[in-house]
């Protein structure tokens, strides 16, 4: 069952509360890994793949940032791409590796040190768990991970402020103009952006902000 949606606050969480929320987010994905895997692994994101993959070099390398169940890794591999997953949850990394057959590593977005190794970065519903203060550095790290002209797909929840869901997970919400500005500031050119409903449950009052962007050539 999907967890209830909590109301977002426009006031940033105090530092101590933010640390607690980040810790509870990590515990959720460790402790609920199997349940999360079962709930998300069959979600049909083919419409998003169709937007993203034509911009990735044929047979190129894709980094799945926050790979979760490994669902997207498996899809990319089946389509002839070389895929690598990274997730902060060791439990999910094991499940993703087993399900997808792709290389998967345990690590945090904020600590990635890839350098020009990927033709595409897929950040589907992962950047939204970072505090707003960390998003610019994360986008810079993603840009560095890409080859010149590499493509980024990112999705975050549309809205304003921050919230902690009843299951303990922390979310940062973004208005479209703000998120696009941050992506552009990280030396990307926006190719397309659009709003969509939640794939897992279209009755949930969640709107997803999807962004497709290309790393500027000459800005590595």
N, C-alpha and C. Protein backbone atom coordinates (compact mmCIF):
# COMPACT_ATOMS: atom_id res chain seq x y z
N UNK A 1 0.84 -1.20 0.00
CA UNK A 1 0.00 0.00 0.00
C UNK A 1 0.87 1.25 0.00
N UNK A 2 0.59 2.23 -0.87
CA UNK A 2 1.34 3.49 -0.85
C UNK A 2 1.14 4.20 0.48
N UNK A 3 2.15 4.88 0.94
CA UNK A 3 2.05 5.60 2.20
C UNK A 3 1.36 6.94 1.99
N UNK A 4 0.66 7.44 3.02
CA UNK A 4 -0.01 8.74 2.90
C UNK A 4 0.99 9.84 2.57
N UNK A 5 0.50 10.87 1.90
CA UNK A 5 1.34 12.00 1.53
C UNK A 5 1.24 13.07 2.61
N UNK A 6 2.37 13.48 3.14
CA UNK A 6 2.38 14.53 4.15
C UNK A 6 2.40 15.90 3.49
N UNK A 7 1.99 16.91 4.22
CA UNK A 7 1.97 18.27 3.71
C UNK A 7 3.37 18.86 3.74
N UNK A 8 3.73 19.55 2.65
CA UNK A 8 5.06 20.15 2.56
C UNK A 8 5.10 21.47 3.32
N UNK A 9 6.26 21.74 3.91
CA UNK A 9 6.48 23.00 4.60
C UNK A 9 7.42 23.85 3.76
N UNK A 10 7.13 25.13 3.62
CA UNK A 10 8.00 26.02 2.87
C UNK A 10 9.21 26.45 3.69
N UNK A 11 9.16 26.18 4.99
CA UNK A 11 10.28 26.53 5.87
C UNK A 11 11.22 25.33 5.97
N UNK A 12 12.51 25.49 5.64
CA UNK A 12 13.45 24.37 5.72
C UNK A 12 13.48 23.76 7.12
N UNK A 13 13.69 22.45 7.19
CA UNK A 13 13.77 21.79 8.47
C UNK A 13 14.99 22.29 9.25
N UNK A 14 14.87 22.45 10.56
CA UNK A 14 16.06 22.75 11.37
C UNK A 14 17.11 21.67 11.17
N UNK A 15 18.37 22.02 11.38
CA UNK A 15 19.47 21.12 11.06
C UNK A 15 19.32 19.76 11.73
N UNK A 16 18.98 19.74 13.01
CA UNK A 16 18.86 18.47 13.73
C UNK A 16 17.73 17.62 13.15
N UNK A 17 16.62 18.24 12.82
CA UNK A 17 15.49 17.51 12.23
C UNK A 17 15.84 17.00 10.85
N UNK A 18 16.60 17.78 10.10
CA UNK A 18 17.01 17.34 8.77
C UNK A 18 17.91 16.12 8.86
N UNK A 19 18.88 16.14 9.79
CA UNK A 19 19.76 14.98 9.97
C UNK A 19 18.94 13.74 10.32
N UNK A 20 17.95 13.92 11.19
CA UNK A 20 17.11 12.78 11.59
C UNK A 20 16.30 12.28 10.40
N UNK A 21 15.80 13.20 9.59
CA UNK A 21 15.01 12.81 8.42
C UNK A 21 15.86 12.08 7.38
N UNK A 22 17.10 12.54 7.18
CA UNK A 22 17.99 11.86 6.23
C UNK A 22 18.32 10.46 6.73
N UNK A 23 18.51 10.33 8.04
CA UNK A 23 18.81 9.03 8.62
C UNK A 23 17.61 8.08 8.48
N UNK A 24 16.41 8.60 8.72
CA UNK A 24 15.22 7.74 8.61
C UNK A 24 14.95 7.36 7.16
N UNK A 25 15.33 8.24 6.22
CA UNK A 25 15.19 7.91 4.79
C UNK A 25 16.09 6.73 4.44
N UNK A 26 17.33 6.79 4.91
CA UNK A 26 18.27 5.70 4.65
C UNK A 26 17.78 4.40 5.28
N UNK A 27 17.27 4.48 6.52
CA UNK A 27 16.78 3.27 7.20
C UNK A 27 15.59 2.67 6.45
N UNK A 28 14.73 3.53 5.89
CA UNK A 28 13.58 3.02 5.14
C UNK A 28 14.04 2.10 4.02
N UNK A 29 15.01 2.55 3.23
CA UNK A 29 15.43 1.76 2.08
C UNK A 29 16.24 0.53 2.48
N UNK A 30 16.88 0.56 3.63
CA UNK A 30 17.55 -0.64 4.12
C UNK A 30 16.55 -1.64 4.70
N UNK A 31 15.67 -1.14 5.56
CA UNK A 31 14.76 -2.04 6.28
C UNK A 31 13.59 -2.51 5.42
N UNK A 32 13.18 -1.69 4.47
CA UNK A 32 12.02 -2.02 3.63
C UNK A 32 12.43 -2.37 2.20
N UNK A 33 13.67 -2.78 2.02
CA UNK A 33 14.18 -3.01 0.66
C UNK A 33 13.34 -4.01 -0.12
N UNK A 34 13.02 -5.14 0.49
CA UNK A 34 12.27 -6.17 -0.23
C UNK A 34 10.86 -5.68 -0.58
N UNK A 35 10.20 -5.02 0.36
CA UNK A 35 8.86 -4.48 0.08
C UNK A 35 8.92 -3.43 -1.02
N UNK A 36 9.92 -2.56 -0.94
CA UNK A 36 10.08 -1.51 -1.95
C UNK A 36 10.35 -2.14 -3.31
N UNK A 37 11.20 -3.15 -3.34
CA UNK A 37 11.50 -3.85 -4.59
C UNK A 37 10.22 -4.40 -5.21
N UNK A 38 9.44 -5.10 -4.43
CA UNK A 38 8.22 -5.71 -4.95
C UNK A 38 7.22 -4.67 -5.43
N UNK A 39 7.19 -3.53 -4.77
CA UNK A 39 6.20 -2.50 -5.11
C UNK A 39 6.59 -1.71 -6.36
N UNK A 40 7.87 -1.65 -6.68
CA UNK A 40 8.31 -0.76 -7.76
C UNK A 40 8.88 -1.48 -8.98
N UNK A 41 9.27 -2.74 -8.84
CA UNK A 41 10.03 -3.39 -9.90
C UNK A 41 9.24 -3.57 -11.19
N UNK A 42 7.91 -3.61 -11.09
CA UNK A 42 7.09 -3.84 -12.29
C UNK A 42 6.51 -2.55 -12.88
N UNK A 43 6.85 -1.41 -12.32
CA UNK A 43 6.33 -0.14 -12.83
C UNK A 43 6.77 0.06 -14.28
N UNK A 44 5.85 0.47 -15.13
CA UNK A 44 6.13 0.64 -16.55
C UNK A 44 6.59 2.08 -16.82
N UNK A 45 7.89 2.23 -17.04
CA UNK A 45 8.45 3.55 -17.34
C UNK A 45 8.91 3.63 -18.80
N UNK A 46 8.34 2.78 -19.64
CA UNK A 46 8.78 2.74 -21.04
C UNK A 46 8.61 4.09 -21.73
N UNK A 47 7.60 4.85 -21.32
CA UNK A 47 7.38 6.17 -21.93
C UNK A 47 8.53 7.12 -21.62
N UNK A 48 9.16 6.92 -20.46
CA UNK A 48 10.32 7.75 -20.10
C UNK A 48 11.58 7.27 -20.82
N UNK A 49 11.72 5.95 -20.95
CA UNK A 49 12.86 5.43 -21.70
C UNK A 49 12.84 5.96 -23.13
N UNK A 50 11.64 6.04 -23.70
CA UNK A 50 11.50 6.51 -25.09
C UNK A 50 11.93 7.97 -25.24
N UNK A 51 11.82 8.74 -24.17
CA UNK A 51 12.27 10.13 -24.19
C UNK A 51 13.78 10.23 -24.03
N UNK A 52 14.33 9.38 -23.19
CA UNK A 52 15.73 9.47 -22.78
C UNK A 52 16.70 8.77 -23.74
N UNK A 53 16.44 7.52 -24.06
CA UNK A 53 17.43 6.69 -24.74
C UNK A 53 17.82 7.16 -26.14
N UNK A 54 16.93 7.78 -26.92
CA UNK A 54 17.37 8.26 -28.24
C UNK A 54 18.49 9.29 -28.18
N UNK A 55 18.69 9.91 -27.00
CA UNK A 55 19.74 10.92 -26.86
C UNK A 55 21.06 10.32 -26.37
N UNK A 56 21.04 9.03 -26.02
CA UNK A 56 22.24 8.36 -25.52
C UNK A 56 22.91 7.62 -26.68
N UNK A 57 24.23 7.72 -26.76
CA UNK A 57 24.97 7.04 -27.83
C UNK A 57 24.62 5.56 -27.85
N UNK A 58 24.44 5.02 -29.04
CA UNK A 58 24.06 3.63 -29.20
C UNK A 58 25.07 2.71 -28.50
N UNK A 59 24.56 1.85 -27.62
CA UNK A 59 25.43 0.97 -26.86
C UNK A 59 26.25 1.67 -25.79
N UNK A 60 25.89 2.92 -25.49
CA UNK A 60 26.66 3.71 -24.54
C UNK A 60 26.48 3.30 -23.10
N UNK A 61 27.25 3.95 -22.23
CA UNK A 61 27.21 3.66 -20.79
C UNK A 61 26.23 4.61 -20.10
N UNK A 62 25.37 4.03 -19.26
CA UNK A 62 24.38 4.79 -18.52
C UNK A 62 24.60 4.57 -17.02
N UNK A 63 24.64 5.64 -16.26
CA UNK A 63 24.71 5.57 -14.80
C UNK A 63 23.31 5.81 -14.25
N UNK A 64 22.81 4.82 -13.51
CA UNK A 64 21.50 4.95 -12.86
C UNK A 64 21.74 5.40 -11.42
N UNK A 65 21.46 6.67 -11.16
CA UNK A 65 21.71 7.28 -9.85
C UNK A 65 20.49 7.03 -8.95
N UNK A 66 20.68 6.20 -7.94
CA UNK A 66 19.56 5.79 -7.10
C UNK A 66 18.83 4.66 -7.79
N UNK A 67 19.55 3.56 -8.05
CA UNK A 67 19.03 2.51 -8.95
C UNK A 67 17.90 1.69 -8.35
N UNK A 68 17.68 1.77 -7.03
CA UNK A 68 16.53 1.10 -6.43
C UNK A 68 16.46 -0.38 -6.75
N UNK A 69 15.35 -0.81 -7.34
CA UNK A 69 15.11 -2.23 -7.60
C UNK A 69 15.96 -2.80 -8.72
N UNK A 70 16.54 -1.93 -9.55
CA UNK A 70 17.27 -2.40 -10.72
C UNK A 70 16.39 -2.53 -11.95
N UNK A 71 15.16 -2.13 -11.83
CA UNK A 71 14.19 -2.19 -12.94
C UNK A 71 14.69 -1.46 -14.18
N UNK A 72 15.17 -0.25 -14.00
CA UNK A 72 15.61 0.55 -15.15
C UNK A 72 16.94 0.04 -15.69
N UNK A 73 17.82 -0.40 -14.81
CA UNK A 73 19.08 -0.99 -15.24
C UNK A 73 18.82 -2.16 -16.18
N UNK A 74 17.89 -3.02 -15.78
CA UNK A 74 17.58 -4.19 -16.59
C UNK A 74 17.04 -3.79 -17.95
N UNK A 75 16.17 -2.79 -17.97
CA UNK A 75 15.60 -2.32 -19.24
C UNK A 75 16.70 -1.77 -20.15
N UNK A 76 17.62 -1.01 -19.58
CA UNK A 76 18.71 -0.44 -20.39
C UNK A 76 19.61 -1.54 -20.96
N UNK A 77 19.92 -2.53 -20.12
CA UNK A 77 20.76 -3.64 -20.57
C UNK A 77 20.08 -4.40 -21.70
N UNK A 78 18.79 -4.64 -21.56
CA UNK A 78 18.05 -5.38 -22.58
C UNK A 78 18.00 -4.63 -23.91
N UNK A 79 18.14 -3.32 -23.84
CA UNK A 79 18.12 -2.50 -25.05
C UNK A 79 19.52 -2.26 -25.63
N UNK A 80 20.49 -2.95 -25.08
CA UNK A 80 21.83 -2.90 -25.66
C UNK A 80 22.78 -1.87 -25.08
N UNK A 81 22.37 -1.22 -23.98
CA UNK A 81 23.25 -0.25 -23.33
C UNK A 81 24.04 -0.92 -22.22
N UNK A 82 25.15 -0.31 -21.85
CA UNK A 82 25.95 -0.77 -20.71
C UNK A 82 25.55 0.07 -19.51
N UNK A 83 25.06 -0.57 -18.48
CA UNK A 83 24.47 0.18 -17.37
C UNK A 83 25.20 -0.12 -16.06
N UNK A 84 25.31 0.92 -15.24
CA UNK A 84 25.90 0.82 -13.90
C UNK A 84 24.95 1.50 -12.93
N UNK A 85 24.70 0.86 -11.81
CA UNK A 85 23.81 1.45 -10.82
C UNK A 85 24.55 1.85 -9.56
N UNK A 86 24.07 2.91 -8.93
CA UNK A 86 24.60 3.33 -7.63
C UNK A 86 23.43 3.65 -6.72
N UNK A 87 23.51 3.20 -5.48
CA UNK A 87 22.45 3.46 -4.51
C UNK A 87 23.08 3.46 -3.13
N UNK A 88 22.53 4.26 -2.23
CA UNK A 88 23.09 4.34 -0.88
C UNK A 88 22.68 3.15 -0.02
N UNK A 89 21.66 2.41 -0.45
CA UNK A 89 21.18 1.25 0.32
C UNK A 89 21.89 -0.02 -0.12
N UNK A 90 22.64 -0.64 0.78
CA UNK A 90 23.31 -1.89 0.45
C UNK A 90 22.31 -2.98 0.10
N UNK A 91 21.19 -3.00 0.82
CA UNK A 91 20.17 -4.02 0.56
C UNK A 91 19.59 -3.88 -0.84
N UNK A 92 19.31 -2.66 -1.26
CA UNK A 92 18.78 -2.46 -2.60
C UNK A 92 19.82 -2.74 -3.67
N UNK A 93 21.07 -2.40 -3.41
CA UNK A 93 22.14 -2.69 -4.37
C UNK A 93 22.20 -4.19 -4.65
N UNK A 94 22.09 -5.01 -3.61
CA UNK A 94 22.13 -6.46 -3.80
C UNK A 94 20.94 -6.93 -4.63
N UNK A 95 19.75 -6.40 -4.34
CA UNK A 95 18.56 -6.78 -5.10
C UNK A 95 18.66 -6.32 -6.55
N UNK A 96 19.14 -5.09 -6.74
CA UNK A 96 19.26 -4.53 -8.09
C UNK A 96 20.27 -5.32 -8.91
N UNK A 97 21.39 -5.68 -8.31
CA UNK A 97 22.42 -6.43 -9.03
C UNK A 97 21.87 -7.80 -9.45
N UNK A 98 21.17 -8.46 -8.53
CA UNK A 98 20.63 -9.78 -8.82
C UNK A 98 19.56 -9.73 -9.91
N UNK A 99 18.70 -8.71 -9.85
CA UNK A 99 17.59 -8.61 -10.80
C UNK A 99 18.04 -8.18 -12.18
N UNK A 100 18.98 -7.24 -12.24
CA UNK A 100 19.35 -6.63 -13.52
C UNK A 100 20.54 -7.29 -14.21
N UNK A 101 21.43 -7.87 -13.41
CA UNK A 101 22.66 -8.40 -13.97
C UNK A 101 23.69 -7.32 -14.26
N UNK A 102 23.38 -6.09 -13.88
CA UNK A 102 24.29 -4.96 -14.12
C UNK A 102 25.23 -4.77 -12.95
N UNK A 103 26.33 -4.08 -13.20
CA UNK A 103 27.23 -3.69 -12.13
C UNK A 103 26.52 -2.67 -11.24
N UNK A 104 26.55 -2.91 -9.93
CA UNK A 104 25.91 -1.99 -8.99
C UNK A 104 26.86 -1.75 -7.82
N UNK A 105 26.94 -0.50 -7.39
CA UNK A 105 27.83 -0.15 -6.29
C UNK A 105 27.05 0.61 -5.23
N UNK A 106 27.51 0.48 -4.00
CA UNK A 106 26.90 1.22 -2.89
C UNK A 106 27.59 2.57 -2.76
N UNK A 107 26.81 3.64 -2.76
CA UNK A 107 27.40 4.96 -2.63
C UNK A 107 26.33 6.04 -2.63
N UNK A 108 26.71 7.19 -2.13
CA UNK A 108 25.79 8.32 -2.04
C UNK A 108 26.02 9.27 -3.21
N UNK A 109 24.95 9.89 -3.67
CA UNK A 109 25.05 10.86 -4.76
C UNK A 109 26.04 11.95 -4.41
N UNK A 110 25.99 12.40 -3.15
CA UNK A 110 26.83 13.51 -2.71
C UNK A 110 28.32 13.16 -2.70
N UNK A 111 28.66 11.89 -2.87
CA UNK A 111 30.05 11.47 -2.80
C UNK A 111 30.56 10.88 -4.12
N UNK A 112 29.76 10.95 -5.18
CA UNK A 112 30.18 10.38 -6.47
C UNK A 112 31.42 11.10 -7.00
N UNK A 113 32.32 10.33 -7.59
CA UNK A 113 33.55 10.93 -8.13
C UNK A 113 33.83 10.42 -9.55
N UNK A 114 32.80 10.06 -10.29
CA UNK A 114 32.99 9.63 -11.68
C UNK A 114 33.46 10.82 -12.52
N UNK A 115 34.27 10.52 -13.52
CA UNK A 115 34.82 11.59 -14.35
C UNK A 115 34.74 11.21 -15.83
N UNK A 116 33.74 11.75 -16.53
CA UNK A 116 33.60 11.54 -17.95
C UNK A 116 33.43 10.10 -18.37
N UNK A 117 32.74 9.31 -17.56
CA UNK A 117 32.65 7.87 -17.81
C UNK A 117 31.33 7.44 -18.45
N UNK A 118 30.34 8.35 -18.53
CA UNK A 118 29.02 7.91 -18.95
C UNK A 118 28.44 8.78 -20.07
N UNK A 119 27.71 8.13 -20.95
CA UNK A 119 27.01 8.83 -22.03
C UNK A 119 25.66 9.35 -21.58
N UNK A 120 25.12 8.76 -20.52
CA UNK A 120 23.84 9.20 -19.98
C UNK A 120 23.78 8.97 -18.49
N UNK A 121 23.06 9.84 -17.80
CA UNK A 121 22.77 9.65 -16.37
C UNK A 121 21.26 9.65 -16.19
N UNK A 122 20.78 8.64 -15.51
CA UNK A 122 19.36 8.45 -15.23
C UNK A 122 19.17 8.67 -13.74
N UNK A 123 18.48 9.74 -13.37
CA UNK A 123 18.24 10.07 -11.96
C UNK A 123 16.74 10.17 -11.74
N UNK A 124 16.11 9.00 -11.73
CA UNK A 124 14.64 8.93 -11.64
C UNK A 124 14.22 8.83 -10.17
N UNK A 125 13.58 9.88 -9.67
CA UNK A 125 13.05 9.90 -8.30
C UNK A 125 14.14 9.63 -7.25
N UNK A 126 15.32 10.21 -7.46
CA UNK A 126 16.39 10.04 -6.48
C UNK A 126 16.88 11.37 -5.93
N UNK A 127 17.03 12.38 -6.77
CA UNK A 127 17.52 13.68 -6.31
C UNK A 127 16.57 14.34 -5.32
N UNK A 128 15.31 13.93 -5.33
CA UNK A 128 14.32 14.53 -4.44
C UNK A 128 14.57 14.21 -2.97
N UNK A 129 15.41 13.21 -2.67
CA UNK A 129 15.73 12.89 -1.28
C UNK A 129 16.89 13.72 -0.73
N UNK A 130 17.49 14.55 -1.57
CA UNK A 130 18.58 15.42 -1.11
C UNK A 130 18.02 16.72 -0.55
N UNK A 131 18.65 17.29 0.46
CA UNK A 131 18.26 18.63 0.90
C UNK A 131 18.47 19.63 -0.23
N UNK A 132 17.71 20.68 -0.25
CA UNK A 132 17.86 21.70 -1.29
C UNK A 132 19.29 22.26 -1.32
N UNK A 133 19.91 22.30 -0.16
CA UNK A 133 21.28 22.83 -0.07
C UNK A 133 22.30 21.93 -0.75
N UNK A 134 21.92 20.67 -1.06
CA UNK A 134 22.87 19.72 -1.65
C UNK A 134 22.65 19.50 -3.14
N UNK A 135 21.57 20.03 -3.70
CA UNK A 135 21.22 19.69 -5.08
C UNK A 135 22.22 20.25 -6.09
N UNK A 136 22.73 21.44 -5.87
CA UNK A 136 23.65 22.03 -6.85
C UNK A 136 24.93 21.21 -6.95
N UNK A 137 25.48 20.79 -5.82
CA UNK A 137 26.69 19.96 -5.84
C UNK A 137 26.40 18.62 -6.51
N UNK A 138 25.23 18.04 -6.25
CA UNK A 138 24.87 16.76 -6.87
C UNK A 138 24.79 16.89 -8.39
N UNK A 139 24.19 17.96 -8.86
CA UNK A 139 24.11 18.18 -10.31
C UNK A 139 25.49 18.40 -10.91
N UNK A 140 26.37 19.07 -10.19
CA UNK A 140 27.74 19.24 -10.66
C UNK A 140 28.45 17.89 -10.78
N UNK A 141 28.23 17.01 -9.81
CA UNK A 141 28.85 15.68 -9.84
C UNK A 141 28.30 14.85 -10.99
N UNK A 142 27.01 14.99 -11.26
CA UNK A 142 26.41 14.30 -12.39
C UNK A 142 27.01 14.81 -13.70
N UNK A 143 27.15 16.13 -13.80
CA UNK A 143 27.74 16.71 -15.00
C UNK A 143 29.16 16.18 -15.22
N UNK A 144 29.92 16.09 -14.14
CA UNK A 144 31.29 15.60 -14.25
C UNK A 144 31.33 14.13 -14.67
N UNK A 145 30.31 13.36 -14.27
CA UNK A 145 30.28 11.94 -14.62
C UNK A 145 30.03 11.71 -16.11
N UNK A 146 29.48 12.71 -16.80
CA UNK A 146 29.10 12.58 -18.20
C UNK A 146 30.24 12.94 -19.15
N UNK A 147 30.22 12.32 -20.32
CA UNK A 147 31.08 12.78 -21.41
C UNK A 147 30.51 14.11 -21.91
N UNK A 148 31.30 14.86 -22.64
CA UNK A 148 30.81 16.11 -23.23
C UNK A 148 29.62 15.80 -24.14
N UNK A 149 28.53 16.50 -23.93
CA UNK A 149 27.34 16.27 -24.73
C UNK A 149 26.48 15.13 -24.22
N UNK A 150 26.87 14.52 -23.07
CA UNK A 150 26.06 13.46 -22.47
C UNK A 150 24.72 13.98 -22.00
N UNK A 151 23.77 13.08 -21.79
CA UNK A 151 22.41 13.48 -21.48
C UNK A 151 22.00 13.06 -20.08
N UNK A 152 21.22 13.90 -19.43
CA UNK A 152 20.68 13.64 -18.10
C UNK A 152 19.16 13.57 -18.17
N UNK A 153 18.59 12.52 -17.54
CA UNK A 153 17.17 12.53 -17.24
C UNK A 153 17.03 12.59 -15.73
N UNK A 154 16.21 13.51 -15.24
CA UNK A 154 15.97 13.62 -13.81
C UNK A 154 14.49 13.85 -13.56
N UNK A 155 13.98 13.25 -12.49
CA UNK A 155 12.59 13.52 -12.10
C UNK A 155 12.54 13.78 -10.60
N UNK A 156 11.81 14.82 -10.24
CA UNK A 156 11.59 15.18 -8.84
C UNK A 156 10.10 15.46 -8.66
N UNK A 157 9.66 15.53 -7.43
CA UNK A 157 8.26 15.85 -7.20
C UNK A 157 8.04 17.36 -7.32
N UNK A 158 6.99 17.71 -8.02
CA UNK A 158 6.66 19.12 -8.24
C UNK A 158 5.94 19.67 -7.01
N UNK A 159 6.33 20.87 -6.61
CA UNK A 159 5.70 21.50 -5.45
C UNK A 159 6.61 22.57 -4.88
N UNK A 160 6.49 22.78 -3.58
CA UNK A 160 7.27 23.84 -2.94
C UNK A 160 7.60 23.41 -1.52
N UNK A 161 8.85 23.56 -1.14
CA UNK A 161 9.24 23.27 0.23
C UNK A 161 9.76 21.87 0.44
N UNK A 162 9.69 21.40 1.68
CA UNK A 162 10.18 20.09 2.07
C UNK A 162 9.10 19.35 2.85
N UNK A 163 9.17 18.02 2.86
CA UNK A 163 8.23 17.25 3.65
C UNK A 163 8.87 15.95 4.10
N UNK A 164 8.38 15.42 5.18
CA UNK A 164 8.77 14.10 5.65
C UNK A 164 7.50 13.25 5.62
N UNK A 165 7.51 12.21 4.81
CA UNK A 165 6.34 11.34 4.68
C UNK A 165 6.14 10.54 5.96
N UNK A 166 4.95 9.96 6.09
CA UNK A 166 4.65 9.19 7.28
C UNK A 166 5.55 7.97 7.43
N UNK A 167 6.16 7.52 6.33
CA UNK A 167 7.07 6.38 6.41
C UNK A 167 8.48 6.80 6.79
N UNK A 168 8.70 8.11 7.02
CA UNK A 168 9.99 8.60 7.48
C UNK A 168 10.89 9.14 6.39
N UNK A 169 10.48 9.05 5.12
CA UNK A 169 11.34 9.53 4.04
C UNK A 169 11.23 11.04 3.85
N UNK A 170 12.39 11.64 3.60
CA UNK A 170 12.48 13.09 3.39
C UNK A 170 12.39 13.40 1.90
N UNK A 171 11.67 14.48 1.56
CA UNK A 171 11.52 14.91 0.17
C UNK A 171 11.73 16.42 0.06
N UNK A 172 12.42 16.82 -0.99
CA UNK A 172 12.47 18.22 -1.38
C UNK A 172 11.64 18.37 -2.64
N UNK A 173 10.72 19.33 -2.64
CA UNK A 173 9.84 19.57 -3.78
C UNK A 173 10.32 20.81 -4.53
N UNK A 174 10.08 20.84 -5.84
CA UNK A 174 10.56 21.94 -6.67
C UNK A 174 9.49 22.47 -7.61
N UNK A 175 9.45 23.77 -7.72
CA UNK A 175 8.73 24.39 -8.82
C UNK A 175 9.56 24.22 -10.08
N UNK A 176 8.90 24.14 -11.22
CA UNK A 176 9.60 23.86 -12.47
C UNK A 176 10.68 24.90 -12.75
N UNK A 177 10.36 26.17 -12.59
CA UNK A 177 11.32 27.22 -12.92
C UNK A 177 12.59 27.10 -12.08
N UNK A 178 12.43 26.81 -10.79
CA UNK A 178 13.60 26.70 -9.92
C UNK A 178 14.47 25.51 -10.32
N UNK A 179 13.85 24.35 -10.54
CA UNK A 179 14.66 23.17 -10.83
C UNK A 179 15.38 23.31 -12.17
N UNK A 180 14.68 23.84 -13.16
CA UNK A 180 15.33 24.03 -14.46
C UNK A 180 16.50 25.00 -14.35
N UNK A 181 16.34 26.05 -13.55
CA UNK A 181 17.42 27.02 -13.36
C UNK A 181 18.64 26.35 -12.72
N UNK A 182 18.40 25.46 -11.77
CA UNK A 182 19.51 24.78 -11.11
C UNK A 182 20.22 23.82 -12.08
N UNK A 183 19.45 23.13 -12.91
CA UNK A 183 20.04 22.24 -13.91
C UNK A 183 20.88 23.05 -14.89
N UNK A 184 20.36 24.16 -15.35
CA UNK A 184 21.10 25.01 -16.28
C UNK A 184 22.37 25.57 -15.64
N UNK A 185 22.29 25.93 -14.36
CA UNK A 185 23.46 26.46 -13.66
C UNK A 185 24.57 25.42 -13.53
N UNK A 186 24.18 24.15 -13.61
CA UNK A 186 25.17 23.06 -13.55
C UNK A 186 25.75 22.74 -14.92
N UNK A 187 25.57 23.68 -15.88
CA UNK A 187 26.15 23.59 -17.23
C UNK A 187 25.45 22.56 -18.10
N UNK A 188 24.12 22.53 -17.99
CA UNK A 188 23.29 21.71 -18.87
C UNK A 188 22.41 22.62 -19.71
N UNK A 189 22.09 22.16 -20.92
CA UNK A 189 21.08 22.81 -21.74
C UNK A 189 19.81 21.96 -21.67
N UNK A 190 18.70 22.59 -21.34
CA UNK A 190 17.43 21.88 -21.22
C UNK A 190 16.94 21.49 -22.60
N UNK A 191 16.67 20.21 -22.78
CA UNK A 191 16.09 19.71 -24.03
C UNK A 191 14.57 19.70 -23.95
N UNK A 192 14.07 19.30 -22.77
CA UNK A 192 12.62 19.19 -22.61
C UNK A 192 12.30 19.07 -21.13
N UNK A 193 11.13 19.55 -20.73
CA UNK A 193 10.62 19.33 -19.38
C UNK A 193 9.12 19.15 -19.45
N UNK A 194 8.59 18.33 -18.54
CA UNK A 194 7.14 18.08 -18.56
C UNK A 194 6.69 17.55 -17.19
N UNK A 195 5.41 17.70 -16.93
CA UNK A 195 4.81 17.25 -15.68
C UNK A 195 4.00 15.99 -15.97
N UNK A 196 4.09 15.00 -15.08
CA UNK A 196 3.33 13.76 -15.25
C UNK A 196 2.75 13.29 -13.93
N UNK A 197 1.78 12.38 -14.03
CA UNK A 197 1.17 11.79 -12.84
C UNK A 197 2.04 10.66 -12.31
N UNK A 198 1.72 10.18 -11.11
CA UNK A 198 2.46 9.10 -10.49
C UNK A 198 2.14 7.78 -11.20
N UNK A 199 3.17 7.05 -11.60
CA UNK A 199 2.97 5.80 -12.32
C UNK A 199 2.44 4.70 -11.41
N UNK A 200 2.90 4.65 -10.17
CA UNK A 200 2.48 3.59 -9.26
C UNK A 200 1.03 3.72 -8.85
N UNK A 201 0.54 4.92 -8.75
CA UNK A 201 -0.86 5.15 -8.36
C UNK A 201 -1.30 6.51 -8.86
N UNK A 202 -2.02 6.54 -9.97
CA UNK A 202 -2.40 7.81 -10.59
C UNK A 202 -3.44 8.57 -9.78
N UNK A 203 -3.98 7.96 -8.74
CA UNK A 203 -4.93 8.66 -7.87
C UNK A 203 -4.21 9.45 -6.78
N UNK A 204 -2.92 9.17 -6.59
CA UNK A 204 -2.19 9.91 -5.56
C UNK A 204 -1.94 11.34 -6.04
N UNK A 205 -2.04 12.30 -5.12
CA UNK A 205 -1.87 13.72 -5.50
C UNK A 205 -0.40 14.10 -5.66
N UNK A 206 0.33 13.35 -6.47
CA UNK A 206 1.74 13.63 -6.72
C UNK A 206 1.91 13.97 -8.18
N UNK A 207 2.62 15.07 -8.43
CA UNK A 207 2.96 15.47 -9.79
C UNK A 207 4.47 15.42 -9.93
N UNK A 208 4.92 14.74 -10.99
CA UNK A 208 6.35 14.58 -11.21
C UNK A 208 6.84 15.58 -12.24
N UNK A 209 7.93 16.25 -11.91
CA UNK A 209 8.60 17.16 -12.82
C UNK A 209 9.75 16.40 -13.47
N UNK A 210 9.66 16.22 -14.78
CA UNK A 210 10.66 15.45 -15.53
C UNK A 210 11.49 16.40 -16.38
N UNK A 211 12.80 16.17 -16.39
CA UNK A 211 13.70 17.05 -17.12
C UNK A 211 14.68 16.22 -17.94
N UNK A 212 14.85 16.60 -19.19
CA UNK A 212 15.84 16.01 -20.08
C UNK A 212 16.81 17.12 -20.45
N UNK A 213 18.10 16.91 -20.21
CA UNK A 213 19.08 17.98 -20.42
C UNK A 213 20.38 17.42 -20.96
N UNK A 214 21.12 18.24 -21.68
CA UNK A 214 22.36 17.84 -22.31
C UNK A 214 23.54 18.64 -21.74
N UNK A 215 24.59 17.90 -21.36
CA UNK A 215 25.78 18.56 -20.82
C UNK A 215 26.43 19.42 -21.91
N UNK A 216 26.69 20.66 -21.58
CA UNK A 216 27.28 21.56 -22.57
C UNK A 216 28.68 21.13 -22.97
N UNK A 217 28.92 21.10 -24.26
CA UNK A 217 30.23 20.76 -24.77
C UNK A 217 31.19 21.90 -24.43
N UNK A 218 32.37 21.55 -23.96
CA UNK A 218 33.35 22.56 -23.60
C UNK A 218 33.24 23.03 -22.17
N UNK A 219 32.32 22.41 -21.39
CA UNK A 219 32.18 22.80 -19.98
C UNK A 219 32.33 21.55 -19.12
N UNK A 220 33.47 20.92 -19.17
CA UNK A 220 33.77 19.74 -18.36
C UNK A 220 34.63 20.15 -17.17
